[in-house]
């Protein structure tokens, strides 16, 4: 199973998966390459306002920059 498939099944990391989907970055993690991924749980983002997260999800160019880090 590849990282993106696992991530989409884990309910505690939805805030991280949403930007991956929005930036169409899910396929990045479907190759045969080895990846190390540190994933913060959703409760890590509780201090952010929903409007901040929504604004980021709408800024696809910014999401694309983040996904290549």
N, C-alpha and C. Protein backbone atom coordinates (compact mmCIF):
# COMPACT_ATOMS: atom_id res chain seq x y z
N UNK A 1 0.85 -1.17 0.00
CA UNK A 1 0.00 0.00 0.00
C UNK A 1 0.90 1.24 0.00
N UNK A 2 0.51 2.24 -0.76
CA UNK A 2 1.31 3.46 -0.86
C UNK A 2 0.84 4.51 0.14
N UNK A 3 1.72 5.48 0.42
CA UNK A 3 1.47 6.48 1.46
C UNK A 3 0.14 7.20 1.27
N UNK A 4 -0.14 7.64 0.05
CA UNK A 4 -1.37 8.41 -0.16
C UNK A 4 -2.62 7.59 0.13
N UNK A 5 -2.59 6.31 -0.19
CA UNK A 5 -3.74 5.45 0.11
C UNK A 5 -3.94 5.31 1.62
N UNK A 6 -2.85 5.12 2.33
CA UNK A 6 -2.92 4.99 3.79
C UNK A 6 -3.41 6.30 4.40
N UNK A 7 -2.85 7.42 3.95
CA UNK A 7 -3.20 8.73 4.52
C UNK A 7 -4.69 9.02 4.37
N UNK A 8 -5.27 8.65 3.25
CA UNK A 8 -6.68 8.94 3.03
C UNK A 8 -7.60 8.08 3.87
N UNK A 9 -7.06 7.02 4.46
CA UNK A 9 -7.87 6.14 5.31
C UNK A 9 -7.75 6.49 6.80
N UNK A 10 -6.80 7.34 7.15
CA UNK A 10 -6.58 7.70 8.55
C UNK A 10 -7.38 8.95 8.87
N UNK A 11 -8.37 8.82 9.71
CA UNK A 11 -9.30 9.93 9.97
C UNK A 11 -8.68 11.07 10.77
N UNK A 12 -7.56 10.85 11.43
CA UNK A 12 -6.97 11.89 12.27
C UNK A 12 -6.03 12.82 11.53
N UNK A 13 -5.90 12.66 10.20
CA UNK A 13 -5.01 13.55 9.43
C UNK A 13 -5.73 14.18 8.22
N UNK A 14 -7.01 14.39 8.35
CA UNK A 14 -7.80 14.97 7.26
C UNK A 14 -7.33 16.35 6.84
N UNK A 15 -6.87 17.16 7.80
CA UNK A 15 -6.43 18.52 7.47
C UNK A 15 -5.18 18.47 6.60
N UNK A 16 -4.36 17.46 6.74
CA UNK A 16 -3.18 17.32 5.88
C UNK A 16 -3.56 16.75 4.52
N UNK A 17 -4.48 15.83 4.48
CA UNK A 17 -4.88 15.19 3.23
C UNK A 17 -5.61 16.17 2.31
N UNK A 18 -6.40 17.07 2.88
CA UNK A 18 -7.17 18.02 2.07
C UNK A 18 -6.29 18.86 1.15
N UNK A 19 -5.18 19.44 1.63
CA UNK A 19 -4.33 20.20 0.71
C UNK A 19 -3.66 19.32 -0.35
N UNK A 20 -3.31 18.10 0.02
CA UNK A 20 -2.74 17.19 -0.98
C UNK A 20 -3.71 16.95 -2.12
N UNK A 21 -4.98 16.73 -1.76
CA UNK A 21 -6.00 16.53 -2.78
C UNK A 21 -6.21 17.80 -3.60
N UNK A 22 -6.28 18.95 -2.94
CA UNK A 22 -6.53 20.22 -3.63
C UNK A 22 -5.43 20.54 -4.62
N UNK A 23 -4.18 20.23 -4.27
CA UNK A 23 -3.05 20.52 -5.14
C UNK A 23 -2.75 19.37 -6.10
N UNK A 24 -3.62 18.36 -6.08
CA UNK A 24 -3.42 17.17 -6.90
C UNK A 24 -2.04 16.54 -6.64
N UNK A 25 -1.66 16.55 -5.36
CA UNK A 25 -0.37 16.00 -4.96
C UNK A 25 -0.43 14.57 -4.50
N UNK A 26 -1.60 13.98 -4.50
CA UNK A 26 -1.76 12.60 -4.03
C UNK A 26 -0.90 11.64 -4.86
N UNK A 27 -0.86 11.85 -6.16
CA UNK A 27 -0.09 10.94 -7.04
C UNK A 27 1.41 11.00 -6.79
N UNK A 28 1.88 12.09 -6.19
CA UNK A 28 3.31 12.21 -5.86
C UNK A 28 3.77 11.05 -5.00
N UNK A 29 2.90 10.58 -4.15
CA UNK A 29 3.27 9.51 -3.21
C UNK A 29 2.85 8.12 -3.69
N UNK A 30 2.54 7.99 -4.96
CA UNK A 30 2.12 6.68 -5.47
C UNK A 30 3.21 5.96 -6.25
N UNK A 31 4.39 6.55 -6.36
CA UNK A 31 5.47 5.92 -7.10
C UNK A 31 6.16 4.85 -6.30
N UNK A 32 7.24 4.34 -6.86
CA UNK A 32 8.02 3.29 -6.20
C UNK A 32 9.14 3.85 -5.33
N UNK A 33 9.23 5.17 -5.23
CA UNK A 33 10.28 5.79 -4.42
C UNK A 33 10.01 5.58 -2.93
N UNK A 34 11.08 5.68 -2.16
CA UNK A 34 10.95 5.59 -0.71
C UNK A 34 10.72 7.00 -0.16
N UNK A 35 9.80 7.14 0.77
CA UNK A 35 9.49 8.42 1.38
C UNK A 35 9.48 8.27 2.90
N UNK A 36 9.93 9.31 3.57
CA UNK A 36 9.74 9.42 5.01
C UNK A 36 8.81 10.60 5.20
N UNK A 37 7.69 10.38 5.85
CA UNK A 37 6.69 11.42 6.01
C UNK A 37 6.36 11.57 7.49
N UNK A 38 6.49 12.79 7.98
CA UNK A 38 6.09 13.11 9.34
C UNK A 38 4.77 13.85 9.23
N UNK A 39 3.73 13.28 9.79
CA UNK A 39 2.38 13.82 9.61
C UNK A 39 1.80 14.26 10.95
N UNK A 40 1.54 15.56 11.07
CA UNK A 40 0.88 16.01 12.30
C UNK A 40 -0.60 15.64 12.27
N UNK A 41 -1.12 15.28 13.43
CA UNK A 41 -2.55 14.95 13.54
C UNK A 41 -3.37 16.23 13.44
N UNK A 42 -4.65 16.08 13.12
CA UNK A 42 -5.55 17.22 12.96
C UNK A 42 -5.56 18.13 14.18
N UNK A 43 -5.45 17.57 15.37
CA UNK A 43 -5.53 18.42 16.57
C UNK A 43 -4.37 19.39 16.67
N UNK A 44 -3.31 19.18 15.90
CA UNK A 44 -2.19 20.11 15.83
C UNK A 44 -2.63 21.46 15.27
N UNK A 45 -3.65 21.44 14.43
CA UNK A 45 -4.09 22.64 13.73
C UNK A 45 -5.25 23.36 14.41
N UNK A 46 -5.56 23.01 15.64
CA UNK A 46 -6.73 23.57 16.31
C UNK A 46 -6.63 25.08 16.53
N UNK A 47 -5.42 25.61 16.60
CA UNK A 47 -5.25 27.05 16.82
C UNK A 47 -5.52 27.86 15.54
N UNK A 48 -5.50 27.21 14.40
CA UNK A 48 -5.77 27.91 13.14
C UNK A 48 -7.27 28.12 12.97
N UNK A 49 -7.63 29.26 12.48
CA UNK A 49 -9.03 29.51 12.18
C UNK A 49 -9.39 28.76 10.90
N UNK A 50 -10.62 28.34 10.81
CA UNK A 50 -11.09 27.63 9.61
C UNK A 50 -10.87 28.47 8.36
N UNK A 51 -10.99 29.79 8.48
CA UNK A 51 -10.80 30.66 7.32
C UNK A 51 -9.35 30.61 6.81
N UNK A 52 -8.40 30.40 7.70
CA UNK A 52 -6.99 30.28 7.31
C UNK A 52 -6.78 29.02 6.49
N UNK A 53 -7.35 27.93 6.96
CA UNK A 53 -7.23 26.65 6.25
C UNK A 53 -7.95 26.74 4.91
N UNK A 54 -9.14 27.31 4.89
CA UNK A 54 -9.90 27.46 3.64
C UNK A 54 -9.14 28.30 2.63
N UNK A 55 -8.53 29.39 3.09
CA UNK A 55 -7.76 30.25 2.19
C UNK A 55 -6.59 29.49 1.58
N UNK A 56 -5.92 28.70 2.38
CA UNK A 56 -4.80 27.91 1.87
C UNK A 56 -5.27 26.89 0.84
N UNK A 57 -6.39 26.24 1.11
CA UNK A 57 -6.90 25.23 0.18
C UNK A 57 -7.29 25.84 -1.16
N UNK A 58 -7.60 27.12 -1.19
CA UNK A 58 -7.97 27.78 -2.44
C UNK A 58 -6.76 28.34 -3.19
N UNK A 59 -5.60 28.41 -2.53
CA UNK A 59 -4.39 28.95 -3.14
C UNK A 59 -3.54 27.80 -3.70
N UNK A 60 -3.95 27.27 -4.84
CA UNK A 60 -3.29 26.10 -5.43
C UNK A 60 -1.80 26.34 -5.71
N UNK A 61 -1.39 27.51 -6.25
CA UNK A 61 0.05 27.72 -6.46
C UNK A 61 0.86 27.59 -5.15
N UNK A 62 0.32 28.11 -4.07
CA UNK A 62 1.03 28.00 -2.78
C UNK A 62 1.07 26.54 -2.33
N UNK A 63 -0.01 25.81 -2.51
CA UNK A 63 -0.04 24.40 -2.14
C UNK A 63 0.99 23.61 -2.95
N UNK A 64 1.13 23.93 -4.21
CA UNK A 64 2.10 23.24 -5.05
C UNK A 64 3.51 23.50 -4.57
N UNK A 65 3.79 24.70 -4.09
CA UNK A 65 5.12 25.00 -3.54
C UNK A 65 5.37 24.18 -2.27
N UNK A 66 4.36 24.08 -1.43
CA UNK A 66 4.50 23.34 -0.19
C UNK A 66 4.70 21.86 -0.46
N UNK A 67 4.01 21.32 -1.44
CA UNK A 67 4.06 19.88 -1.68
C UNK A 67 5.42 19.40 -2.17
N UNK A 68 6.28 20.30 -2.64
CA UNK A 68 7.59 19.86 -3.12
C UNK A 68 8.68 20.02 -2.09
N UNK A 69 8.35 20.53 -0.91
CA UNK A 69 9.35 20.71 0.13
C UNK A 69 9.83 19.41 0.69
